[in-house]
Amino acid sequence: IGVNYIDVYDRTGLYPLSSLPAILGREAAGDVASVGRGVKGFKPGDRVAYVSGPGAYAEARNIAAAAVVKLPKSVSYETAAAAMLKGMTAQYLLRSTYRVKKGDTILVHAAAGGTGLILCQWGKALGATVIGTVGSDAKAKLAKKAGAKHVIDYTREDFAVRVAEITKGAKCAAVYDGVGRTTFLKSLDCLRPFGTMASFGSASGAVEPFDIGILGRKGSLYVTRPTLFTHIADISRLQAMARDMFRAIASGAVTIPVHSRLPLAKVADAHRALESRATTGATILLP
């Protein structure tokens, strides 16, 4: 079972749950135990993974076949459990929200986090120059190892000033921001004219309302707030995205870093570590 910051949003009510009590968790991998009447394409024993609505913190789950993808032999259960939300998020950010191409410069906030490390690796593999922001020397080393050519410690440096220095004023084609409130406005200063800002998370709090006219004044910028669940609502798109991600993993271009493994009973500890920003890479729960 994968642990993600969206689980914290669900638990705290930032993202209201449809009913209570509720089971948290959005992603997991395992074996098909049985299939419902009329289900085609799956059979007991198939290796599968999913990212869906809350309910993954469990030993077994009843889930719609349209939310499940088959695992290739080259991808382990642990890798899939850690990849379905974070890896698929990286997939649509890099391949759809702004389609990164060779020669681009991109900025990745929280570059040592679960999604950030994947964005750094995949962005580099696509030919981009990756700039990452982190909060410590240890996290800087992880981001560098993952493919960030330049790393900025936001606790010591103004990241917008450093981006301008690194790019010699050219700035970035895209900024990928899962942090939210504390980085949003300054991130706009990191974009070149017609650049794209993808705000895909709110680890520091929700982005506050802002004057949309600032986008024109800063260079006819594009700002979007995409979600993974919109992208995977269509089963054909879900399967295509998963195939693309699994290919990237199988090729070695992307390694899903699992840095913490805990029993399901210790899930509260996993949330405490996540909220304190003590984690790097992915955390998984073992039921």
C-alpha atoms as a PDB file:
ATOM      1  CA  ILE A   1       0.000   0.000   0.000  1.00  0.00           C
ATOM      2  CA  GLY A   2       1.389   3.403  -0.944  1.00  0.00           C
ATOM      3  CA  VAL A   3       1.313   6.363   1.463  1.00  0.00           C
ATOM      4  CA  ASN A   4       0.829   9.811  -0.055  1.00  0.00           C
ATOM      5  CA  TYR A   5       0.211  13.357   1.085  1.00  0.00           C
ATOM      6  CA  ILE A   6      -3.291  13.177  -0.338  1.00  0.00           C
ATOM      7  CA  ASP A   7      -3.985  10.672   2.450  1.00  0.00           C
ATOM      8  CA  VAL A   8      -3.211  13.466   4.924  1.00  0.00           C
ATOM      9  CA  TYR A   9      -5.590  15.786   3.059  1.00  0.00           C
ATOM     10  CA  ASP A  10      -8.294  13.116   3.314  1.00  0.00           C
ATOM     11  CA  ARG A  11      -7.623  12.518   7.003  1.00  0.00           C
ATOM     12  CA  THR A  12      -7.640  16.201   7.971  1.00  0.00           C
ATOM     13  CA  GLY A  13     -10.671  17.096   5.883  1.00  0.00           C
ATOM     14  CA  LEU A  14      -8.870  19.359   3.418  1.00  0.00           C
ATOM     15  CA  TYR A  15     -10.319  17.000   0.819  1.00  0.00           C
ATOM     16  CA  PRO A  16     -13.738  16.110   2.266  1.00  0.00           C
ATOM     17  CA  LEU A  17     -14.566  12.413   2.281  1.00  0.00           C
ATOM     18  CA  SER A  18     -17.946  11.361   0.932  1.00  0.00           C
ATOM     19  CA  SER A  19     -18.902   9.550   4.145  1.00  0.00           C
ATOM     20  CA  LEU A  20     -17.592   8.646   7.591  1.00  0.00           C
ATOM     21  CA  PRO A  21     -16.208   6.409   8.959  1.00  0.00           C
ATOM     22  CA  ALA A  22     -13.838   5.892   6.031  1.00  0.00           C
ATOM     23  CA  ILE A  23     -10.727   3.943   5.104  1.00  0.00           C
ATOM     24  CA  LEU A  24      -7.835   6.059   3.823  1.00  0.00           C
ATOM     25  CA  GLY A  25      -5.318   5.243   1.112  1.00  0.00           C
ATOM     26  CA  ARG A  26      -5.330   5.680  -2.657  1.00  0.00           C
ATOM     27  CA  GLU A  27      -2.892   3.157  -4.145  1.00  0.00           C
ATOM     28  CA  ALA A  28      -1.868  -0.449  -3.716  1.00  0.00           C
ATOM     29  CA  ALA A  29      -0.702  -3.576  -5.519  1.00  0.00           C
ATOM     30  CA  GLY A  30      -1.407  -7.259  -5.043  1.00  0.00           C
ATOM     31  CA  ASP A  31      -3.150 -10.312  -6.467  1.00  0.00           C
ATOM     32  CA  VAL A  32      -6.712 -10.661  -7.721  1.00  0.00           C
ATOM     33  CA  ALA A  33      -8.526 -12.888  -5.208  1.00  0.00           C
ATOM     34  CA  SER A  34     -11.761 -13.193  -7.170  1.00  0.00           C
ATOM     35  CA  VAL A  35     -13.705 -11.395  -9.903  1.00  0.00           C
ATOM     36  CA  GLY A  36     -17.307 -10.325 -10.074  1.00  0.00           C
ATOM     37  CA  ARG A  37     -19.902 -11.557 -12.519  1.00  0.00           C
ATOM     38  CA  GLY A  38     -19.306 -10.163 -15.999  1.00  0.00           C
ATOM     39  CA  VAL A  39     -15.773  -8.951 -15.325  1.00  0.00           C
ATOM     40  CA  LYS A  40     -13.531  -9.553 -18.331  1.00  0.00           C
ATOM     41  CA  GLY A  41      -9.782  -9.274 -18.715  1.00  0.00           C
ATOM     42  CA  PHE A  42      -8.892 -10.340 -15.169  1.00  0.00           C
ATOM     43  CA  LYS A  43      -8.775 -13.671 -13.344  1.00  0.00           C
ATOM     44  CA  PRO A  44      -7.818 -14.848  -9.860  1.00  0.00           C
ATOM     45  CA  GLY A  45      -4.065 -14.768  -9.381  1.00  0.00           C
ATOM     46  CA  ASP A  46      -3.392 -11.849 -11.744  1.00  0.00           C
ATOM     47  CA  ARG A  47      -0.802  -9.359 -10.485  1.00  0.00           C
ATOM     48  CA  VAL A  48      -2.432  -5.928 -10.459  1.00  0.00           C
ATOM     49  CA  ALA A  49      -2.142  -2.406  -9.117  1.00  0.00           C
ATOM     50  CA  TYR A  50      -4.460   0.560  -8.813  1.00  0.00           C
ATOM     51  CA  VAL A  51      -4.844   4.174  -7.819  1.00  0.00           C
ATOM     52  CA  SER A  52      -8.383   5.111  -6.917  1.00  0.00           C
ATOM     53  CA  GLY A  53     -10.587   6.694  -4.263  1.00  0.00           C
ATOM     54  CA  PRO A  54      -9.937   6.130  -0.546  1.00  0.00           C
ATOM     55  CA  GLY A  55      -9.899   2.559   0.755  1.00  0.00           C
ATOM     56  CA  ALA A  56      -6.402   1.177   0.178  1.00  0.00           C
ATOM     57  CA  TYR A  57      -5.362   0.868   3.854  1.00  0.00           C
ATOM     58  CA  ALA A  58      -6.698  -2.688   4.035  1.00  0.00           C
ATOM     59  CA  GLU A  59      -5.666  -6.319   3.705  1.00  0.00           C
ATOM     60  CA  ALA A  60      -8.222  -6.852   0.916  1.00  0.00           C
ATOM     61  CA  ARG A  61     -10.420  -4.559  -1.125  1.00  0.00           C
ATOM     62  CA  ASN A  62     -13.341  -4.747  -3.496  1.00  0.00           C
ATOM     63  CA  ILE A  63     -12.562  -2.391  -6.390  1.00  0.00           C
ATOM     64  CA  ALA A  64     -13.906  -1.725  -9.854  1.00  0.00           C
ATOM     65  CA  ALA A  65     -12.084  -3.517 -12.670  1.00  0.00           C
ATOM     66  CA  ALA A  66     -11.969  -0.200 -14.548  1.00  0.00           C
ATOM     67  CA  ALA A  67      -9.594   1.165 -11.880  1.00  0.00           C
ATOM     68  CA  VAL A  68      -7.103  -1.715 -12.063  1.00  0.00           C
ATOM     69  CA  VAL A  69      -4.112  -2.287 -14.344  1.00  0.00           C
ATOM     70  CA  LYS A  70      -2.083  -5.458 -14.821  1.00  0.00           C
ATOM     71  CA  LEU A  71       1.495  -5.479 -13.619  1.00  0.00           C
ATOM     72  CA  PRO A  72       4.215  -6.519 -16.051  1.00  0.00           C
ATOM     73  CA  LYS A  73       6.654  -9.097 -14.695  1.00  0.00           C
ATOM     74  CA  SER A  74       9.384  -6.450 -14.623  1.00  0.00           C
ATOM     75  CA  VAL A  75       7.573  -4.400 -11.938  1.00  0.00           C
ATOM     76  CA  SER A  76       7.434  -5.615  -8.322  1.00  0.00           C
ATOM     77  CA  TYR A  77       4.486  -5.205  -5.966  1.00  0.00           C
ATOM     78  CA  GLU A  78       6.442  -2.710  -3.834  1.00  0.00           C
ATOM     79  CA  THR A  79       7.438  -0.644  -6.850  1.00  0.00           C
ATOM     80  CA  ALA A  80       3.873  -0.589  -8.138  1.00  0.00           C
ATOM     81  CA  ALA A  81       2.422   0.293  -4.731  1.00  0.00           C
ATOM     82  CA  ALA A  82       4.787   3.256  -4.554  1.00  0.00           C
ATOM     83  CA  ALA A  83       4.343   4.259  -8.205  1.00  0.00           C
ATOM     84  CA  MET A  84       0.677   4.266  -9.050  1.00  0.00           C
ATOM     85  CA  LEU A  85      -0.093   7.688  -7.586  1.00  0.00           C
ATOM     86  CA  LYS A  86       3.299   9.397  -7.614  1.00  0.00           C
ATOM     87  CA  GLY A  87       4.549   7.854 -10.855  1.00  0.00           C
ATOM     88  CA  MET A  88       1.285   8.399 -12.715  1.00  0.00           C
ATOM     89  CA  THR A  89       1.240  11.974 -11.438  1.00  0.00           C
ATOM     90  CA  ALA A  90       4.731  12.480 -12.852  1.00  0.00           C
ATOM     91  CA  GLN A  91       3.577  10.880 -16.103  1.00  0.00           C
ATOM     92  CA  TYR A  92       0.770  13.323 -16.796  1.00  0.00           C
ATOM     93  CA  LEU A  93       2.777  16.328 -15.566  1.00  0.00           C
ATOM     94  CA  LEU A  94       5.726  15.597 -17.863  1.00  0.00           C
ATOM     95  CA  ARG A  95       3.852  14.097 -20.810  1.00  0.00           C
ATOM     96  CA  SER A  96       0.562  15.996 -20.841  1.00  0.00           C
ATOM     97  CA  THR A  97       0.311  19.106 -18.637  1.00  0.00           C
ATOM     98  CA  TYR A  98       3.520  20.396 -20.201  1.00  0.00           C
ATOM     99  CA  ARG A  99       5.129  17.950 -22.624  1.00  0.00           C
ATOM    100  CA  VAL A 100       8.791  18.164 -21.709  1.00  0.00           C
ATOM    101  CA  LYS A 101      11.225  18.015 -24.596  1.00  0.00           C
ATOM    102  CA  LYS A 102      14.964  17.916 -24.995  1.00  0.00           C
ATOM    103  CA  GLY A 103      16.579  21.245 -24.145  1.00  0.00           C
ATOM    104  CA  ASP A 104      13.871  22.439 -21.735  1.00  0.00           C
ATOM    105  CA  THR A 105      14.706  23.685 -18.266  1.00  0.00           C
ATOM    106  CA  ILE A 106      12.184  22.709 -15.596  1.00  0.00           C
ATOM    107  CA  LEU A 107      11.855  23.479 -11.897  1.00  0.00           C
ATOM    108  CA  VAL A 108      10.747  20.726  -9.507  1.00  0.00           C
ATOM    109  CA  HIS A 109       9.751  21.716  -5.991  1.00  0.00           C
ATOM    110  CA  ALA A 110      10.219  19.187  -3.162  1.00  0.00           C
ATOM    111  CA  ALA A 111      12.653  17.399  -5.446  1.00  0.00           C
ATOM    112  CA  ALA A 112      13.567  14.788  -2.821  1.00  0.00           C
ATOM    113  CA  GLY A 113       9.964  13.779  -2.172  1.00  0.00           C
ATOM    114  CA  GLY A 114       8.258  10.764  -3.671  1.00  0.00           C
ATOM    115  CA  THR A 115       6.905  12.539  -6.753  1.00  0.00           C
ATOM    116  CA  GLY A 116       9.858  14.913  -6.925  1.00  0.00           C
ATOM    117  CA  LEU A 117      12.451  12.157  -7.269  1.00  0.00           C
ATOM    118  CA  ILE A 118      10.464  10.618 -10.122  1.00  0.00           C
ATOM    119  CA  LEU A 119      10.081  13.986 -11.849  1.00  0.00           C
ATOM    120  CA  CYS A 120      13.849  14.556 -11.604  1.00  0.00           C
ATOM    121  CA  GLN A 121      14.685  11.161 -13.107  1.00  0.00           C
ATOM    122  CA  TRP A 122      12.105  11.223 -15.862  1.00  0.00           C
ATOM    123  CA  GLY A 123      12.710  14.870 -16.694  1.00  0.00           C
ATOM    124  CA  LYS A 124      16.407  14.172 -17.159  1.00  0.00           C
ATOM    125  CA  ALA A 125      15.643  11.096 -19.272  1.00  0.00           C
ATOM    126  CA  LEU A 126      13.489  13.283 -21.537  1.00  0.00           C
ATOM    127  CA  GLY A 127      16.441  15.602 -22.110  1.00  0.00           C
ATOM    128  CA  ALA A 128      15.525  18.442 -19.779  1.00  0.00           C
ATOM    129  CA  THR A 129      17.787  20.347 -17.428  1.00  0.00           C
ATOM    130  CA  VAL A 130      16.214  19.823 -14.014  1.00  0.00           C
ATOM    131  CA  ILE A 131      16.443  22.352 -11.186  1.00  0.00           C
ATOM    132  CA  GLY A 132      15.195  21.044  -7.852  1.00  0.00           C
ATOM    133  CA  THR A 133      14.356  22.722  -4.554  1.00  0.00           C
ATOM    134  CA  VAL A 134      14.978  20.928  -1.240  1.00  0.00           C
ATOM    135  CA  GLY A 135      15.141  21.708   2.469  1.00  0.00           C
ATOM    136  CA  SER A 136      18.386  20.060   3.595  1.00  0.00           C
ATOM    137  CA  ASP A 137      21.802  18.871   2.471  1.00  0.00           C
ATOM    138  CA  ALA A 138      20.698  15.242   2.696  1.00  0.00           C
ATOM    139  CA  LYS A 139      17.746  15.908   0.440  1.00  0.00           C
ATOM    140  CA  ALA A 140      19.986  17.841  -1.954  1.00  0.00           C
ATOM    141  CA  LYS A 141      22.137  14.729  -2.400  1.00  0.00           C
ATOM    142  CA  LEU A 142      19.073  12.620  -3.188  1.00  0.00           C
ATOM    143  CA  ALA A 143      17.781  15.114  -5.746  1.00  0.00           C
ATOM    144  CA  LYS A 144      21.197  15.321  -7.415  1.00  0.00           C
ATOM    145  CA  LYS A 145      21.459  11.563  -7.597  1.00  0.00           C
ATOM    146  CA  ALA A 146      17.985  11.423  -9.161  1.00  0.00           C
ATOM    147  CA  GLY A 147      18.958  13.753 -11.982  1.00  0.00           C
ATOM    148  CA  ALA A 148      18.627  17.332 -10.811  1.00  0.00           C
ATOM    149  CA  LYS A 149      21.521  19.207 -12.395  1.00  0.00           C
ATOM    150  CA  HIS A 150      21.067  22.132 -10.027  1.00  0.00           C
ATOM    151  CA  VAL A 151      19.700  21.959  -6.469  1.00  0.00           C
ATOM    152  CA  ILE A 152      18.515  24.929  -4.431  1.00  0.00           C
ATOM    153  CA  ASP A 153      18.128  24.772  -0.638  1.00  0.00           C
ATOM    154  CA  TYR A 154      15.118  27.009  -0.095  1.00  0.00           C
ATOM    155  CA  THR A 155      15.990  27.401   3.615  1.00  0.00           C
ATOM    156  CA  ARG A 156      19.179  29.250   2.667  1.00  0.00           C
ATOM    157  CA  GLU A 157      18.517  30.785  -0.741  1.00  0.00           C
ATOM    158  CA  ASP A 158      15.803  32.650  -2.610  1.00  0.00           C
ATOM    159  CA  PHE A 159      14.873  30.033  -5.195  1.00  0.00           C
ATOM    160  CA  ALA A 160      13.536  32.565  -7.727  1.00  0.00           C
ATOM    161  CA  VAL A 161      16.795  34.523  -7.621  1.00  0.00           C
ATOM    162  CA  ARG A 162      18.826  31.338  -7.980  1.00  0.00           C
ATOM    163  CA  VAL A 163      16.751  30.115 -10.937  1.00  0.00           C
ATOM    164  CA  ALA A 164      17.394  33.389 -12.732  1.00  0.00           C
ATOM    165  CA  GLU A 165      21.126  33.056 -12.013  1.00  0.00           C
ATOM    166  CA  ILE A 166      21.299  29.403 -13.092  1.00  0.00           C
ATOM    167  CA  THR A 167      19.442  30.037 -16.354  1.00  0.00           C
ATOM    168  CA  LYS A 168      21.180  33.384 -17.007  1.00  0.00           C
ATOM    169  CA  GLY A 169      17.800  35.087 -17.064  1.00  0.00           C
ATOM    170  CA  ALA A 170      16.125  32.659 -19.466  1.00  0.00           C
ATOM    171  CA  LYS A 171      14.124  30.959 -16.675  1.00  0.00           C
ATOM    172  CA  CYS A 172      12.053  27.760 -16.986  1.00  0.00           C
ATOM    173  CA  ALA A 173       9.645  26.238 -19.455  1.00  0.00           C
ATOM    174  CA  ALA A 174       7.666  24.655 -16.621  1.00  0.00           C
ATOM    175  CA  VAL A 175       7.431  24.640 -12.842  1.00  0.00           C
ATOM    176  CA  TYR A 176       6.030  21.576 -11.083  1.00  0.00           C
ATOM    177  CA  ASP A 177       4.799  22.573  -7.638  1.00  0.00           C
ATOM    178  CA  GLY A 178       3.307  20.179  -5.120  1.00  0.00           C
ATOM    179  CA  VAL A 179       4.054  22.508  -2.200  1.00  0.00           C
ATOM    180  CA  GLY A 180       1.345  25.131  -2.675  1.00  0.00           C
ATOM    181  CA  ARG A 181       0.923  28.286  -0.637  1.00  0.00           C
ATOM    182  CA  THR A 182       4.545  29.063   0.277  1.00  0.00           C
ATOM    183  CA  THR A 183       5.992  28.591  -3.213  1.00  0.00           C
ATOM    184  CA  PHE A 184       3.209  29.503  -5.625  1.00  0.00           C
ATOM    185  CA  LEU A 185       3.642  33.236  -6.303  1.00  0.00           C
ATOM    186  CA  LYS A 186       7.445  33.164  -6.317  1.00  0.00           C
ATOM    187  CA  SER A 187       7.320  30.222  -8.730  1.00  0.00           C
ATOM    188  CA  LEU A 188       5.700  32.483 -11.306  1.00  0.00           C
ATOM    189  CA  ASP A 189       8.933  34.504 -11.299  1.00  0.00           C
ATOM    190  CA  CYS A 190      10.794  31.354 -12.376  1.00  0.00           C
ATOM    191  CA  LEU A 191       8.900  31.022 -15.664  1.00  0.00           C
ATOM    192  CA  ARG A 192       9.928  32.238 -19.095  1.00  0.00           C
ATOM    193  CA  PRO A 193       7.281  33.998 -21.232  1.00  0.00           C
ATOM    194  CA  PHE A 194       4.483  31.529 -22.107  1.00  0.00           C
ATOM    195  CA  GLY A 195       5.795  29.180 -19.400  1.00  0.00           C
ATOM    196  CA  THR A 196       3.556  26.692 -17.598  1.00  0.00           C
ATOM    197  CA  MET A 197       2.998  26.476 -13.867  1.00  0.00           C
ATOM    198  CA  ALA A 198       1.476  23.177 -12.696  1.00  0.00           C
ATOM    199  CA  SER A 199       0.240  23.412  -9.111  1.00  0.00           C
ATOM    200  CA  PHE A 200      -0.562  19.799  -8.269  1.00  0.00           C
ATOM    201  CA  GLY A 201      -0.418  19.724  -4.461  1.00  0.00           C
ATOM    202  CA  SER A 202      -0.733  21.766  -1.286  1.00  0.00           C
ATOM    203  CA  ALA A 203       1.763  20.390   1.227  1.00  0.00           C
ATOM    204  CA  SER A 204       2.227  23.879   2.744  1.00  0.00           C
ATOM    205  CA  GLY A 205      -1.459  24.791   2.501  1.00  0.00           C
ATOM    206  CA  ALA A 206      -3.896  25.741  -0.236  1.00  0.00           C
ATOM    207  CA  VAL A 207      -2.880  28.447  -2.705  1.00  0.00           C
ATOM    208  CA  GLU A 208      -4.525  31.738  -1.775  1.00  0.00           C
ATOM    209  CA  PRO A 209      -6.642  33.711  -4.283  1.00  0.00           C
ATOM    210  CA  PHE A 210      -4.534  35.920  -6.541  1.00  0.00           C
ATOM    211  CA  ASP A 211      -4.950  38.580  -9.223  1.00  0.00           C
ATOM    212  CA  ILE A 212      -5.114  36.713 -12.531  1.00  0.00           C
ATOM    213  CA  GLY A 213      -3.708  39.797 -14.253  1.00  0.00           C
ATOM    214  CA  ILE A 214      -0.317  38.968 -12.763  1.00  0.00           C
ATOM    215  CA  LEU A 215      -0.009  36.183 -15.341  1.00  0.00           C
ATOM    216  CA  GLY A 216      -0.056  38.722 -18.145  1.00  0.00           C
ATOM    217  CA  ARG A 217       2.365  41.053 -16.432  1.00  0.00           C
ATOM    218  CA  LYS A 218       4.846  38.242 -15.845  1.00  0.00           C
ATOM    219  CA  GLY A 219       4.886  37.012 -19.448  1.00  0.00           C
ATOM    220  CA  SER A 220       1.552  35.576 -20.622  1.00  0.00           C
ATOM    221  CA  LEU A 221       1.973  32.615 -18.315  1.00  0.00           C
ATOM    222  CA  TYR A 222      -0.137  29.468 -18.123  1.00  0.00           C
ATOM    223  CA  VAL A 223      -1.222  28.200 -14.710  1.00  0.00           C
ATOM    224  CA  THR A 224      -3.141  24.981 -14.146  1.00  0.00           C
ATOM    225  CA  ARG A 225      -4.336  22.903 -11.181  1.00  0.00           C
ATOM    226  CA  PRO A 226      -4.547  19.371 -12.614  1.00  0.00           C
ATOM    227  CA  THR A 227      -5.481  16.223 -10.737  1.00  0.00           C
ATOM    228  CA  LEU A 228      -4.531  12.637 -11.418  1.00  0.00           C
ATOM    229  CA  PHE A 229      -8.089  11.417 -10.979  1.00  0.00           C
ATOM    230  CA  THR A 230      -9.369  13.520 -13.866  1.00  0.00           C
ATOM    231  CA  HIS A 231      -6.711  11.992 -16.087  1.00  0.00           C
ATOM    232  CA  ILE A 232      -7.449   8.388 -15.150  1.00  0.00           C
ATOM    233  CA  ALA A 233     -11.257   8.636 -15.176  1.00  0.00           C
ATOM    234  CA  ASP A 234     -11.172   7.195 -18.710  1.00  0.00           C
ATOM    235  CA  ILE A 235      -9.987   3.581 -18.669  1.00  0.00           C
ATOM    236  CA  SER A 236      -8.179   3.799 -22.003  1.00  0.00           C
ATOM    237  CA  ARG A 237      -6.202   6.821 -20.799  1.00  0.00           C
ATOM    238  CA  LEU A 238      -5.464   5.087 -17.488  1.00  0.00           C
ATOM    239  CA  GLN A 239      -4.053   2.075 -19.281  1.00  0.00           C
ATOM    240  CA  ALA A 240      -2.010   4.186 -21.706  1.00  0.00           C
ATOM    241  CA  MET A 241      -0.526   6.230 -18.868  1.00  0.00           C
ATOM    242  CA  ALA A 242       0.317   3.079 -16.907  1.00  0.00           C
ATOM    243  CA  ARG A 243       2.000   1.493 -19.932  1.00  0.00           C
ATOM    244  CA  ASP A 244       4.107   4.613 -20.432  1.00  0.00           C
ATOM    245  CA  MET A 245       5.124   4.642 -16.777  1.00  0.00           C
ATOM    246  CA  PHE A 246       5.905   0.916 -16.670  1.00  0.00           C
ATOM    247  CA  ARG A 247       8.061   1.299 -19.809  1.00  0.00           C
ATOM    248  CA  ALA A 248      10.016   4.085 -18.137  1.00  0.00           C
ATOM    249  CA  ILE A 249      10.565   1.880 -15.085  1.00  0.00           C
ATOM    250  CA  ALA A 250      11.489  -1.204 -17.116  1.00  0.00           C
ATOM    251  CA  SER A 251      13.988   0.791 -19.189  1.00  0.00           C
ATOM    252  CA  GLY A 252      15.806   1.948 -16.070  1.00  0.00           C
ATOM    253  CA  ALA A 253      15.101   5.608 -16.803  1.00  0.00           C
ATOM    254  CA  VAL A 254      12.950   5.781 -13.669  1.00  0.00           C
ATOM    255  CA  THR A 255      13.559   3.995 -10.390  1.00  0.00           C
ATOM    256  CA  ILE A 256      10.829   4.240  -7.781  1.00  0.00           C
ATOM    257  CA  PRO A 257      12.672   4.883  -4.516  1.00  0.00           C
ATOM    258  CA  VAL A 258      11.050   3.128  -1.539  1.00  0.00           C
ATOM    259  CA  HIS A 259      12.795   4.548   1.502  1.00  0.00           C
ATOM    260  CA  SER A 260      10.419   3.438   4.249  1.00  0.00           C
ATOM    261  CA  ARG A 261       8.464   0.224   4.881  1.00  0.00           C
ATOM    262  CA  LEU A 262       6.061  -0.070   7.793  1.00  0.00           C
ATOM    263  CA  PRO A 263       3.400  -2.563   8.848  1.00  0.00           C
ATOM    264  CA  LEU A 264      -0.136  -1.360   8.197  1.00  0.00           C
ATOM    265  CA  ALA A 265      -0.677  -1.121  11.967  1.00  0.00           C
ATOM    266  CA  LYS A 266       1.971   1.650  12.079  1.00  0.00           C
ATOM    267  CA  VAL A 267       0.205   3.904   9.584  1.00  0.00           C
ATOM    268  CA  ALA A 268      -0.130   6.738  12.124  1.00  0.00           C
ATOM    269  CA  ASP A 269       3.681   6.858  12.356  1.00  0.00           C
ATOM    270  CA  ALA A 270       3.845   7.085   8.569  1.00  0.00           C
ATOM    271  CA  HIS A 271       1.535  10.098   8.593  1.00  0.00           C
ATOM    272  CA  ARG A 272       3.508  11.826  11.340  1.00  0.00           C
ATOM    273  CA  ALA A 273       6.733  11.412   9.372  1.00  0.00           C
ATOM    274  CA  LEU A 274       5.109  12.668   6.183  1.00  0.00           C
ATOM    275  CA  GLU A 275       3.624  15.765   7.817  1.00  0.00           C
ATOM    276  CA  SER A 276       6.917  16.655   9.512  1.00  0.00           C
ATOM    277  CA  ARG A 277       8.691  16.462   6.124  1.00  0.00           C
ATOM    278  CA  ALA A 278      10.984  13.810   7.566  1.00  0.00           C
ATOM    279  CA  THR A 279      10.474  11.468   4.625  1.00  0.00           C
ATOM    280  CA  THR A 280      12.219  11.117   1.302  1.00  0.00           C
ATOM    281  CA  GLY A 281      11.154   8.907  -1.563  1.00  0.00           C
ATOM    282  CA  ALA A 282       8.159   6.654  -1.044  1.00  0.00           C
ATOM    283  CA  THR A 283       6.664   5.061   2.056  1.00  0.00           C
ATOM    284  CA  ILE A 284       4.753   1.808   1.753  1.00  0.00           C
ATOM    285  CA  LEU A 285       2.615  -0.166   4.198  1.00  0.00           C
ATOM    286  CA  LEU A 286       2.742  -3.951   4.373  1.00  0.00           C
ATOM    287  CA  PRO A 287      -0.579  -5.535   5.435  1.00  0.00           C
END
